[in-house]
Amino acid sequence: TRTSTTPTSTSPTPWPVKPCDAIHNTTFTTKNGKVFQRLCFLDYGGSAAEATDLTGTRTPSMEECMKACSELDECTGAGWGPANGVNTYRTTCWMKKNLKKPHVATADFEFAVLVSGNVTIPSMEPYF
């Protein structure tokens, strides 16, 4: 007969790195030269106090969402995440203008703010 023992670890298991953590506060430049700052865990809702909704469209990634925003003249920011928080394959890109004040979003949600041209990044305090 063979016996074996299972090794045990005494060190705590680290939290998994969320994909958004790696891109938070980085920039993305689209082919047409527009630059976006990528943010994690924040969203600008469609209420007058936060932002104005322009349109929503399904995109397979945040990169495609930023490209779609860059092609819409009024778009100054876009949010991307799972539609309804249920079907991660059915993602929606929410394009916005008149960004004013963000709110904390779920861990799987990203927002990108247009930073090229004459656009000012709204304050992220007290979030960051």
C-alpha atoms as a PDB file:
ATOM      1  CA  THR A   1       0.000   0.000   0.000  1.00  0.00           C
ATOM      2  CA  ARG A   2       1.029   3.524  -0.734  1.00  0.00           C
ATOM      3  CA  THR A   3       0.350   6.433   1.530  1.00  0.00           C
ATOM      4  CA  SER A   4       0.729  10.076   0.804  1.00  0.00           C
ATOM      5  CA  THR A   5       0.302  13.255   2.718  1.00  0.00           C
ATOM      6  CA  THR A   6      -1.128  16.466   1.459  1.00  0.00           C
ATOM      7  CA  PRO A   7       1.084  19.460   2.165  1.00  0.00           C
ATOM      8  CA  THR A   8      -0.520  22.309   4.039  1.00  0.00           C
ATOM      9  CA  SER A   9       0.325  25.946   3.742  1.00  0.00           C
ATOM     10  CA  THR A  10       0.606  28.281   6.686  1.00  0.00           C
ATOM     11  CA  SER A  11       0.761  31.458   4.620  1.00  0.00           C
ATOM     12  CA  PRO A  12      -2.460  33.223   3.667  1.00  0.00           C
ATOM     13  CA  THR A  13      -3.760  32.818   0.147  1.00  0.00           C
ATOM     14  CA  PRO A  14      -3.404  36.112  -1.738  1.00  0.00           C
ATOM     15  CA  TRP A  15      -6.467  37.713  -3.254  1.00  0.00           C
ATOM     16  CA  PRO A  16      -6.690  37.038  -6.973  1.00  0.00           C
ATOM     17  CA  VAL A  17      -5.732  39.973  -9.164  1.00  0.00           C
ATOM     18  CA  LYS A  18      -8.796  41.340 -10.884  1.00  0.00           C
ATOM     19  CA  PRO A  19      -8.284  42.097 -14.578  1.00  0.00           C
ATOM     20  CA  CYS A  20      -9.261  45.717 -14.041  1.00  0.00           C
ATOM     21  CA  ASP A  21      -6.541  46.229 -11.426  1.00  0.00           C
ATOM     22  CA  ALA A  22      -3.852  45.863 -14.087  1.00  0.00           C
ATOM     23  CA  ILE A  23      -5.251  48.688 -16.235  1.00  0.00           C
ATOM     24  CA  HIS A  24      -6.488  51.137 -13.579  1.00  0.00           C
ATOM     25  CA  ASN A  25      -5.223  54.669 -14.226  1.00  0.00           C
ATOM     26  CA  THR A  26      -3.542  53.699 -17.501  1.00  0.00           C
ATOM     27  CA  THR A  27      -4.242  55.364 -20.843  1.00  0.00           C
ATOM     28  CA  PHE A  28      -5.478  53.931 -24.125  1.00  0.00           C
ATOM     29  CA  THR A  29      -5.063  55.682 -27.485  1.00  0.00           C
ATOM     30  CA  THR A  30      -7.497  54.893 -30.287  1.00  0.00           C
ATOM     31  CA  LYS A  31      -6.521  54.738 -33.959  1.00  0.00           C
ATOM     32  CA  ASN A  32      -8.010  58.202 -34.498  1.00  0.00           C
ATOM     33  CA  GLY A  33      -5.709  59.639 -31.808  1.00  0.00           C
ATOM     34  CA  LYS A  34      -8.108  60.090 -28.891  1.00  0.00           C
ATOM     35  CA  VAL A  35      -6.654  59.262 -25.481  1.00  0.00           C
ATOM     36  CA  PHE A  36      -8.709  57.739 -22.662  1.00  0.00           C
ATOM     37  CA  GLN A  37      -7.820  57.294 -18.997  1.00  0.00           C
ATOM     38  CA  ARG A  38      -9.058  53.907 -17.765  1.00  0.00           C
ATOM     39  CA  LEU A  39     -10.604  53.629 -14.301  1.00  0.00           C
ATOM     40  CA  CYS A  40     -11.826  50.673 -12.266  1.00  0.00           C
ATOM     41  CA  PHE A  41     -14.801  50.386  -9.939  1.00  0.00           C
ATOM     42  CA  LEU A  42     -16.332  53.721 -11.017  1.00  0.00           C
ATOM     43  CA  ASP A  43     -19.299  54.674 -13.158  1.00  0.00           C
ATOM     44  CA  TYR A  44     -21.052  57.849 -14.187  1.00  0.00           C
ATOM     45  CA  GLY A  45     -24.781  57.131 -14.150  1.00  0.00           C
ATOM     46  CA  GLY A  46     -27.289  58.676 -16.503  1.00  0.00           C
ATOM     47  CA  SER A  47     -28.745  61.080 -13.930  1.00  0.00           C
ATOM     48  CA  ALA A  48     -28.278  64.832 -14.354  1.00  0.00           C
ATOM     49  CA  ALA A  49     -26.001  64.867 -11.282  1.00  0.00           C
ATOM     50  CA  GLU A  50     -23.541  62.367 -12.795  1.00  0.00           C
ATOM     51  CA  ALA A  51     -23.527  62.450 -16.623  1.00  0.00           C
ATOM     52  CA  THR A  52     -25.679  62.464 -19.736  1.00  0.00           C
ATOM     53  CA  ASP A  53     -26.286  59.168 -21.547  1.00  0.00           C
ATOM     54  CA  LEU A  54     -25.660  59.250 -25.287  1.00  0.00           C
ATOM     55  CA  THR A  55     -26.148  55.651 -26.379  1.00  0.00           C
ATOM     56  CA  GLY A  56     -25.420  52.067 -25.453  1.00  0.00           C
ATOM     57  CA  THR A  57     -24.084  49.345 -27.722  1.00  0.00           C
ATOM     58  CA  ARG A  58     -22.715  45.854 -27.230  1.00  0.00           C
ATOM     59  CA  THR A  59     -18.950  45.535 -27.564  1.00  0.00           C
ATOM     60  CA  PRO A  60     -16.720  42.525 -26.855  1.00  0.00           C
ATOM     61  CA  SER A  61     -14.183  44.518 -24.803  1.00  0.00           C
ATOM     62  CA  MET A  62     -13.477  47.839 -23.125  1.00  0.00           C
ATOM     63  CA  GLU A  63     -10.995  48.603 -25.908  1.00  0.00           C
ATOM     64  CA  GLU A  64     -13.796  48.321 -28.485  1.00  0.00           C
ATOM     65  CA  CYS A  65     -15.988  50.464 -26.240  1.00  0.00           C
ATOM     66  CA  MET A  66     -13.373  53.245 -26.188  1.00  0.00           C
ATOM     67  CA  LYS A  67     -13.052  52.989 -29.983  1.00  0.00           C
ATOM     68  CA  ALA A  68     -16.833  53.393 -30.327  1.00  0.00           C
ATOM     69  CA  CYS A  69     -16.781  56.429 -28.012  1.00  0.00           C
ATOM     70  CA  SER A  70     -13.910  57.972 -29.991  1.00  0.00           C
ATOM     71  CA  GLU A  71     -16.043  57.865 -33.139  1.00  0.00           C
ATOM     72  CA  LEU A  72     -18.937  59.751 -31.534  1.00  0.00           C
ATOM     73  CA  ASP A  73     -18.184  63.496 -31.460  1.00  0.00           C
ATOM     74  CA  GLU A  74     -20.040  64.230 -28.205  1.00  0.00           C
ATOM     75  CA  CYS A  75     -18.672  61.240 -26.275  1.00  0.00           C
ATOM     76  CA  THR A  76     -16.326  62.172 -23.419  1.00  0.00           C
ATOM     77  CA  GLY A  77     -16.478  58.903 -21.487  1.00  0.00           C
ATOM     78  CA  ALA A  78     -17.725  55.342 -21.616  1.00  0.00           C
ATOM     79  CA  GLY A  79     -18.501  52.572 -19.158  1.00  0.00           C
ATOM     80  CA  TRP A  80     -18.277  48.878 -19.885  1.00  0.00           C
ATOM     81  CA  GLY A  81     -19.234  45.763 -17.964  1.00  0.00           C
ATOM     82  CA  PRO A  82     -21.517  42.747 -17.979  1.00  0.00           C
ATOM     83  CA  ALA A  83     -25.065  43.566 -19.033  1.00  0.00           C
ATOM     84  CA  ASN A  84     -27.353  43.171 -16.026  1.00  0.00           C
ATOM     85  CA  GLY A  85     -24.444  41.677 -14.104  1.00  0.00           C
ATOM     86  CA  VAL A  86     -25.548  38.208 -15.208  1.00  0.00           C
ATOM     87  CA  ASN A  87     -24.470  37.348 -18.739  1.00  0.00           C
ATOM     88  CA  THR A  88     -20.815  38.273 -19.025  1.00  0.00           C
ATOM     89  CA  TYR A  89     -20.815  37.449 -22.723  1.00  0.00           C
ATOM     90  CA  ARG A  90     -23.469  40.112 -23.335  1.00  0.00           C
ATOM     91  CA  THR A  91     -21.518  43.255 -22.597  1.00  0.00           C
ATOM     92  CA  THR A  92     -22.731  46.792 -23.113  1.00  0.00           C
ATOM     93  CA  CYS A  93     -20.763  49.984 -23.730  1.00  0.00           C
ATOM     94  CA  TRP A  94     -22.510  53.028 -22.238  1.00  0.00           C
ATOM     95  CA  MET A  95     -21.320  56.226 -23.928  1.00  0.00           C
ATOM     96  CA  LYS A  96     -21.658  59.513 -22.021  1.00  0.00           C
ATOM     97  CA  LYS A  97     -21.076  63.263 -22.111  1.00  0.00           C
ATOM     98  CA  ASN A  98     -21.147  66.018 -19.459  1.00  0.00           C
ATOM     99  CA  LEU A  99     -19.286  63.911 -16.890  1.00  0.00           C
ATOM    100  CA  LYS A 100     -19.793  65.416 -13.442  1.00  0.00           C
ATOM    101  CA  LYS A 101     -19.595  63.015 -10.501  1.00  0.00           C
ATOM    102  CA  PRO A 102     -18.896  59.265 -10.442  1.00  0.00           C
ATOM    103  CA  HIS A 103     -20.243  56.647  -8.085  1.00  0.00           C
ATOM    104  CA  VAL A 104     -18.613  53.413  -6.927  1.00  0.00           C
ATOM    105  CA  ALA A 105     -19.421  50.523  -9.266  1.00  0.00           C
ATOM    106  CA  THR A 106     -18.999  46.765  -9.111  1.00  0.00           C
ATOM    107  CA  ALA A 107     -15.547  45.192  -9.339  1.00  0.00           C
ATOM    108  CA  ASP A 108     -16.141  44.031 -12.910  1.00  0.00           C
ATOM    109  CA  PHE A 109     -17.021  47.497 -14.253  1.00  0.00           C
ATOM    110  CA  GLU A 110     -14.623  49.856 -16.046  1.00  0.00           C
ATOM    111  CA  PHE A 111     -14.951  53.482 -17.063  1.00  0.00           C
ATOM    112  CA  ALA A 112     -12.808  55.457 -19.494  1.00  0.00           C
ATOM    113  CA  VAL A 113     -12.591  59.249 -19.570  1.00  0.00           C
ATOM    114  CA  LEU A 114     -11.484  61.091 -22.709  1.00  0.00           C
ATOM    115  CA  VAL A 115      -8.375  63.089 -21.779  1.00  0.00           C
ATOM    116  CA  SER A 116      -7.130  64.356 -25.149  1.00  0.00           C
ATOM    117  CA  GLY A 117      -8.235  67.654 -26.599  1.00  0.00           C
ATOM    118  CA  ASN A 118     -10.053  70.209 -24.458  1.00  0.00           C
ATOM    119  CA  VAL A 119     -11.571  67.733 -22.021  1.00  0.00           C
ATOM    120  CA  THR A 120     -10.961  68.053 -18.280  1.00  0.00           C
ATOM    121  CA  ILE A 121     -10.953  64.940 -16.125  1.00  0.00           C
ATOM    122  CA  PRO A 122     -13.582  65.255 -13.391  1.00  0.00           C
ATOM    123  CA  SER A 123     -12.313  64.852  -9.835  1.00  0.00           C
ATOM    124  CA  MET A 124     -12.153  61.268  -8.595  1.00  0.00           C
ATOM    125  CA  GLU A 125     -12.001  62.299  -4.919  1.00  0.00           C
ATOM    126  CA  PRO A 126     -12.749  60.703  -2.541  1.00  0.00           C
ATOM    127  CA  TYR A 127     -12.426  57.504  -4.581  1.00  0.00           C
ATOM    128  CA  PHE A 128      -8.686  57.695  -5.318  1.00  0.00           C
END
